[in-house]
PDB file of N, CA and C in Angstrom:
ATOM      1  N   MET A   1     -25.408   7.164 -24.650  1.00  0.00           N
ATOM      2  CA  MET A   1     -24.964   6.377 -23.527  1.00  0.00           C
ATOM      3  C   MET A   1     -23.614   5.728 -23.819  1.00  0.00           C
ATOM      4  N   ASP A   2     -23.395   5.305 -25.061  1.00  0.00           N
ATOM      5  CA  ASP A   2     -22.115   4.717 -25.421  1.00  0.00           C
ATOM      6  C   ASP A   2     -20.991   5.737 -25.303  1.00  0.00           C
ATOM      7  N   GLU A   3     -21.294   7.000 -25.553  1.00  0.00           N
ATOM      8  CA  GLU A   3     -20.279   8.043 -25.431  1.00  0.00           C
ATOM      9  C   GLU A   3     -19.880   8.231 -23.977  1.00  0.00           C
ATOM     10  N   ASP A   4     -20.844   8.129 -23.050  1.00  0.00           N
ATOM     11  CA  ASP A   4     -20.534   8.247 -21.624  1.00  0.00           C
ATOM     12  C   ASP A   4     -19.611   7.120 -21.176  1.00  0.00           C
ATOM     13  N   VAL A   5     -19.892   5.912 -21.653  1.00  0.00           N
ATOM     14  CA  VAL A   5     -19.060   4.768 -21.294  1.00  0.00           C
ATOM     15  C   VAL A   5     -17.662   4.947 -21.879  1.00  0.00           C
ATOM     16  N   ALA A   6     -17.581   5.408 -23.113  1.00  0.00           N
ATOM     17  CA  ALA A   6     -16.286   5.631 -23.748  1.00  0.00           C
ATOM     18  C   ALA A   6     -15.501   6.718 -23.011  1.00  0.00           C
ATOM     19  N   ASP A   7     -16.201   7.785 -22.581  1.00  0.00           N
ATOM     20  CA  ASP A   7     -15.535   8.843 -21.824  1.00  0.00           C
ATOM     21  C   ASP A   7     -15.018   8.320 -20.489  1.00  0.00           C
ATOM     22  N   ASP A   8     -15.819   7.493 -19.815  1.00  0.00           N
ATOM     23  CA  ASP A   8     -15.390   6.925 -18.542  1.00  0.00           C
ATOM     24  C   ASP A   8     -14.170   6.023 -18.737  1.00  0.00           C
ATOM     25  N   ASP A   9     -14.192   5.218 -19.805  1.00  0.00           N
ATOM     26  CA  ASP A   9     -13.053   4.344 -20.081  1.00  0.00           C
ATOM     27  C   ASP A   9     -11.807   5.164 -20.391  1.00  0.00           C
ATOM     28  N   LEU A  10     -11.974   6.236 -21.137  1.00  0.00           N
ATOM     29  CA  LEU A  10     -10.842   7.087 -21.474  1.00  0.00           C
ATOM     30  C   LEU A  10     -10.271   7.750 -20.225  1.00  0.00           C
ATOM     31  N   GLN A  11     -11.146   8.235 -19.349  1.00  0.00           N
ATOM     32  CA  GLN A  11     -10.680   8.865 -18.111  1.00  0.00           C
ATOM     33  C   GLN A  11      -9.950   7.856 -17.234  1.00  0.00           C
ATOM     34  N   MET A  12     -10.473   6.639 -17.160  1.00  0.00           N
ATOM     35  CA  MET A  12      -9.825   5.607 -16.354  1.00  0.00           C
ATOM     36  C   MET A  12      -8.455   5.265 -16.936  1.00  0.00           C
ATOM     37  N   ALA A  13      -8.356   5.199 -18.252  1.00  0.00           N
ATOM     38  CA  ALA A  13      -7.069   4.905 -18.888  1.00  0.00           C
ATOM     39  C   ALA A  13      -6.063   6.019 -18.619  1.00  0.00           C
ATOM     40  N   VAL A  14      -6.514   7.264 -18.638  1.00  0.00           N
ATOM     41  CA  VAL A  14      -5.618   8.389 -18.365  1.00  0.00           C
ATOM     42  C   VAL A  14      -5.119   8.335 -16.925  1.00  0.00           C
ATOM     43  N   VAL A  15      -6.006   8.044 -15.988  1.00  0.00           N
ATOM     44  CA  VAL A  15      -5.618   7.976 -14.577  1.00  0.00           C
ATOM     45  C   VAL A  15      -4.630   6.837 -14.351  1.00  0.00           C
ATOM     46  N   LEU A  16      -4.925   5.664 -14.900  1.00  0.00           N
ATOM     47  CA  LEU A  16      -4.026   4.523 -14.714  1.00  0.00           C
ATOM     48  C   LEU A  16      -2.675   4.757 -15.390  1.00  0.00           C
ATOM     49  N   GLY A  17      -2.681   5.405 -16.541  1.00  0.00           N
ATOM     50  CA  GLY A  17      -1.426   5.724 -17.213  1.00  0.00           C
ATOM     51  C   GLY A  17      -0.593   6.705 -16.417  1.00  0.00           C
ATOM     52  N   ALA A  18      -1.231   7.709 -15.846  1.00  0.00           N
ATOM     53  CA  ALA A  18      -0.508   8.692 -15.036  1.00  0.00           C
ATOM     54  C   ALA A  18       0.079   8.031 -13.789  1.00  0.00           C
ATOM     55  N   ARG A  19      -0.676   7.125 -13.194  1.00  0.00           N
ATOM     56  CA  ARG A  19      -0.186   6.450 -11.996  1.00  0.00           C
ATOM     57  C   ARG A  19       1.010   5.559 -12.330  1.00  0.00           C
ATOM     58  N   ALA A  20       0.931   4.848 -13.444  1.00  0.00           N
ATOM     59  CA  ALA A  20       2.043   3.996 -13.853  1.00  0.00           C
ATOM     60  C   ALA A  20       3.278   4.844 -14.148  1.00  0.00           C
ATOM     61  N   ASN A  21       3.076   5.978 -14.780  1.00  0.00           N
ATOM     62  CA  ASN A  21       4.189   6.870 -15.092  1.00  0.00           C
ATOM     63  C   ASN A  21       4.836   7.382 -13.807  1.00  0.00           C
ATOM     64  N   LEU A  22       4.022   7.756 -12.833  1.00  0.00           N
ATOM     65  CA  LEU A  22       4.549   8.251 -11.564  1.00  0.00           C
ATOM     66  C   LEU A  22       5.328   7.163 -10.836  1.00  0.00           C
ATOM     67  N   SER A  23       4.796   5.946 -10.825  1.00  0.00           N
ATOM     68  CA  SER A  23       5.495   4.848 -10.160  1.00  0.00           C
ATOM     69  C   SER A  23       6.831   4.568 -10.826  1.00  0.00           C
ATOM     70  N   THR A  24       6.857   4.610 -12.148  1.00  0.00           N
ATOM     71  CA  THR A  24       8.087   4.359 -12.886  1.00  0.00           C
ATOM     72  C   THR A  24       9.112   5.455 -12.606  1.00  0.00           C
ATOM     73  N   ARG A  25       8.673   6.707 -12.611  1.00  0.00           N
ATOM     74  CA  ARG A  25       9.591   7.813 -12.347  1.00  0.00           C
ATOM     75  C   ARG A  25      10.149   7.730 -10.937  1.00  0.00           C
ATOM     76  N   ARG A  26       9.300   7.378  -9.979  1.00  0.00           N
ATOM     77  CA  ARG A  26       9.748   7.261  -8.594  1.00  0.00           C
ATOM     78  C   ARG A  26      10.789   6.152  -8.465  1.00  0.00           C
ATOM     79  N   ALA A  27      10.550   5.021  -9.122  1.00  0.00           N
ATOM     80  CA  ALA A  27      11.507   3.908  -9.063  1.00  0.00           C
ATOM     81  C   ALA A  27      12.830   4.296  -9.703  1.00  0.00           C
ATOM     82  N   LEU A  28      12.776   5.012 -10.812  1.00  0.00           N
ATOM     83  CA  LEU A  28      14.015   5.436 -11.466  1.00  0.00           C
ATOM     84  C   LEU A  28      14.801   6.416 -10.594  1.00  0.00           C
ATOM     85  N   LEU A  29      14.107   7.285  -9.880  1.00  0.00           N
ATOM     86  CA  LEU A  29      14.797   8.215  -8.990  1.00  0.00           C
ATOM     87  C   LEU A  29      15.509   7.476  -7.867  1.00  0.00           C
ATOM     88  N   TYR A  30      14.867   6.461  -7.310  1.00  0.00           N
ATOM     89  CA  TYR A  30      15.509   5.693  -6.249  1.00  0.00           C
ATOM     90  C   TYR A  30      16.737   4.971  -6.775  1.00  0.00           C
ATOM     91  N   VAL A  31      16.650   4.421  -7.979  1.00  0.00           N
ATOM     92  CA  VAL A  31      17.790   3.714  -8.548  1.00  0.00           C
ATOM     93  C   VAL A  31      18.914   4.699  -8.842  1.00  0.00           C
ATOM     94  N   ARG A  32      18.571   5.844  -9.383  1.00  0.00           N
ATOM     95  CA  ARG A  32      19.571   6.837  -9.748  1.00  0.00           C
ATOM     96  C   ARG A  32      20.294   7.362  -8.515  1.00  0.00           C
ATOM     97  N   GLU A  33      19.580   7.550  -7.419  1.00  0.00           N
ATOM     98  CA  GLU A  33      20.199   8.077  -6.205  1.00  0.00           C
ATOM     99  C   GLU A  33      20.915   6.998  -5.405  1.00  0.00           C
ATOM    100  N   GLY A  34      20.705   5.746  -5.757  1.00  0.00           N
ATOM    101  CA  GLY A  34      21.358   4.653  -5.054  1.00  0.00           C
ATOM    102  C   GLY A  34      20.716   4.317  -3.731  1.00  0.00           C
ATOM    103  N   ARG A  35      19.555   4.865  -3.486  1.00  0.00           N
ATOM    104  CA  ARG A  35      18.866   4.575  -2.232  1.00  0.00           C
ATOM    105  C   ARG A  35      17.972   3.358  -2.407  1.00  0.00           C
ATOM    106  N   VAL A  36      17.936   2.548  -1.396  1.00  0.00           N
ATOM    107  CA  VAL A  36      17.042   1.403  -1.383  1.00  0.00           C
ATOM    108  C   VAL A  36      16.237   1.495  -0.099  1.00  0.00           C
ATOM    109  N   ARG A  37      14.931   1.447  -0.237  1.00  0.00           N
ATOM    110  CA  ARG A  37      14.097   1.537   0.958  1.00  0.00           C
ATOM    111  C   ARG A  37      14.189   0.246   1.751  1.00  0.00           C
ATOM    112  N   LYS A  38      14.413   0.394   3.039  1.00  0.00           N
ATOM    113  CA  LYS A  38      14.459  -0.764   3.907  1.00  0.00           C
ATOM    114  C   LYS A  38      13.052  -1.088   4.386  1.00  0.00           C
ATOM    115  N   ARG A  39      12.814  -2.362   4.565  1.00  0.00           N
ATOM    116  CA  ARG A  39      11.528  -2.763   5.107  1.00  0.00           C
ATOM    117  C   ARG A  39      11.494  -2.400   6.580  1.00  0.00           C
ATOM    118  N   VAL A  40      10.399  -1.826   7.021  1.00  0.00           N
ATOM    119  CA  VAL A  40      10.310  -1.303   8.373  1.00  0.00           C
ATOM    120  C   VAL A  40      10.019  -2.397   9.385  1.00  0.00           C
ATOM    121  N   GLY A  41       9.063  -3.220   9.121  1.00  0.00           N
ATOM    122  CA  GLY A  41       8.697  -4.236  10.100  1.00  0.00           C
ATOM    123  C   GLY A  41       7.934  -5.351   9.433  1.00  0.00           C
ATOM    124  N   GLY A  42       7.116  -6.002  10.212  1.00  0.00           N
ATOM    125  CA  GLY A  42       6.304  -7.059   9.647  1.00  0.00           C
ATOM    126  C   GLY A  42       6.921  -8.425   9.867  1.00  0.00           C
ATOM    127  N   SER A  43       6.426  -9.379   9.162  1.00  0.00           N
ATOM    128  CA  SER A  43       6.880 -10.759   9.313  1.00  0.00           C
ATOM    129  C   SER A  43       8.146 -10.969   8.492  1.00  0.00           C
ATOM    130  N   ARG A  44       9.254 -11.010   9.193  1.00  0.00           N
ATOM    131  CA  ARG A  44      10.545 -11.254   8.559  1.00  0.00           C
ATOM    132  C   ARG A  44      11.334 -12.190   9.454  1.00  0.00           C
ATOM    133  N   PRO A  45      12.256 -12.920   8.896  1.00  0.00           N
ATOM    134  CA  PRO A  45      13.109 -13.769   9.733  1.00  0.00           C
ATOM    135  C   PRO A  45      13.905 -12.915  10.721  1.00  0.00           C
ATOM    136  N   GLY A  46      13.995 -13.399  11.939  1.00  0.00           N
ATOM    137  CA  GLY A  46      14.754 -12.682  12.952  1.00  0.00           C
ATOM    138  C   GLY A  46      13.925 -11.726  13.784  1.00  0.00           C
ATOM    139  N   ARG A  47      12.671 -11.525  13.437  1.00  0.00           N
ATOM    140  CA  ARG A  47      11.816 -10.632  14.215  1.00  0.00           C
ATOM    141  C   ARG A  47      11.138 -11.435  15.328  1.00  0.00           C
ATOM    142  N   ARG A  48      10.816 -10.737  16.415  1.00  0.00           N
ATOM    143  CA  ARG A  48      10.124 -11.399  17.512  1.00  0.00           C
ATOM    144  C   ARG A  48       8.710 -11.778  17.090  1.00  0.00           C
ATOM    145  N   PRO A  49       8.197 -12.890  17.597  1.00  0.00           N
ATOM    146  CA  PRO A  49       6.800 -13.229  17.308  1.00  0.00           C
ATOM    147  C   PRO A  49       5.861 -12.297  18.069  1.00  0.00           C
ATOM    148  N   ASN A  50       4.621 -12.277  17.650  1.00  0.00           N
ATOM    149  CA  ASN A  50       3.625 -11.444  18.312  1.00  0.00           C
ATOM    150  C   ASN A  50       3.426 -11.892  19.754  1.00  0.00           C
ATOM    151  N   ARG A  51       3.138 -10.931  20.601  1.00  0.00           N
ATOM    152  CA  ARG A  51       2.887 -11.244  22.008  1.00  0.00           C
ATOM    153  C   ARG A  51       1.509 -11.889  22.136  1.00  0.00           C
ATOM    154  N   PRO A  52       1.407 -12.869  23.012  1.00  0.00           N
ATOM    155  CA  PRO A  52       0.075 -13.440  23.254  1.00  0.00           C
ATOM    156  C   PRO A  52      -0.764 -12.438  24.052  1.00  0.00           C
ATOM    157  N   ARG A  53      -1.906 -12.101  23.555  1.00  0.00           N
ATOM    158  CA  ARG A  53      -2.775 -11.129  24.218  1.00  0.00           C
ATOM    159  C   ARG A  53      -4.150 -11.756  24.421  1.00  0.00           C
ATOM    160  N   ASP A  54      -4.773 -11.398  25.521  1.00  0.00           N
ATOM    161  CA  ASP A  54      -6.101 -11.917  25.826  1.00  0.00           C
ATOM    162  C   ASP A  54      -7.126 -10.850  25.436  1.00  0.00           C
ATOM    163  N   PHE A  55      -7.567 -10.901  24.194  1.00  0.00           N
ATOM    164  CA  PHE A  55      -8.477  -9.879  23.687  1.00  0.00           C
ATOM    165  C   PHE A  55      -9.847  -9.956  24.346  1.00  0.00           C
ATOM    166  N   ASP A  56     -10.270 -11.155  24.703  1.00  0.00           N
ATOM    167  CA  ASP A  56     -11.578 -11.287  25.353  1.00  0.00           C
ATOM    168  C   ASP A  56     -11.580 -10.593  26.709  1.00  0.00           C
ATOM    169  N   LEU A  57     -10.509 -10.744  27.473  1.00  0.00           N
ATOM    170  CA  LEU A  57     -10.412 -10.094  28.779  1.00  0.00           C
ATOM    171  C   LEU A  57     -10.361  -8.580  28.603  1.00  0.00           C
ATOM    172  N   GLY A  58      -9.656  -8.096  27.589  1.00  0.00           N
ATOM    173  CA  GLY A  58      -9.586  -6.666  27.340  1.00  0.00           C
ATOM    174  C   GLY A  58     -10.932  -6.088  26.962  1.00  0.00           C
ATOM    175  N   ALA A  59     -11.678  -6.794  26.118  1.00  0.00           N
ATOM    176  CA  ALA A  59     -13.014  -6.334  25.718  1.00  0.00           C
ATOM    177  C   ALA A  59     -13.928  -6.327  26.930  1.00  0.00           C
ATOM    178  N   HIS A  60     -13.807  -7.339  27.788  1.00  0.00           N
ATOM    179  CA  HIS A  60     -14.633  -7.386  29.005  1.00  0.00           C
ATOM    180  C   HIS A  60     -14.305  -6.205  29.919  1.00  0.00           C
ATOM    181  N   ALA A  61     -13.028  -5.866  30.034  1.00  0.00           N
ATOM    182  CA  ALA A  61     -12.632  -4.742  30.893  1.00  0.00           C
ATOM    183  C   ALA A  61     -13.153  -3.424  30.330  1.00  0.00           C
ATOM    184  N   ILE A  62     -13.160  -3.256  29.019  1.00  0.00           N
ATOM    185  CA  ILE A  62     -13.687  -2.035  28.418  1.00  0.00           C
ATOM    186  C   ILE A  62     -15.171  -1.909  28.668  1.00  0.00           C
ATOM    187  N   LEU A  63     -15.886  -3.006  28.499  1.00  0.00           N
ATOM    188  CA  LEU A  63     -17.341  -2.955  28.690  1.00  0.00           C
ATOM    189  C   LEU A  63     -17.717  -2.836  30.160  1.00  0.00           C
ATOM    190  N   ARG A  64     -16.832  -3.256  31.046  1.00  0.00           N
ATOM    191  CA  ARG A  64     -17.112  -3.160  32.468  1.00  0.00           C
ATOM    192  C   ARG A  64     -17.074  -1.722  32.858  1.00  0.00           C
TER     193      ARG A  64
END
């Protein structure tokens, strides 16, 4: 049973190491190419606030 746990830990370490390596390589490629990803949306200064929506009325209309 201890061998199974050790194998699972080893597999998890390999997966996490591969993921970290991929993230690092991807970041280096972006730096090397001079590209910077722009943020697409979300909560940022200068963006419009969310529209007020009446979710209860919408749910009532769907169920009607």
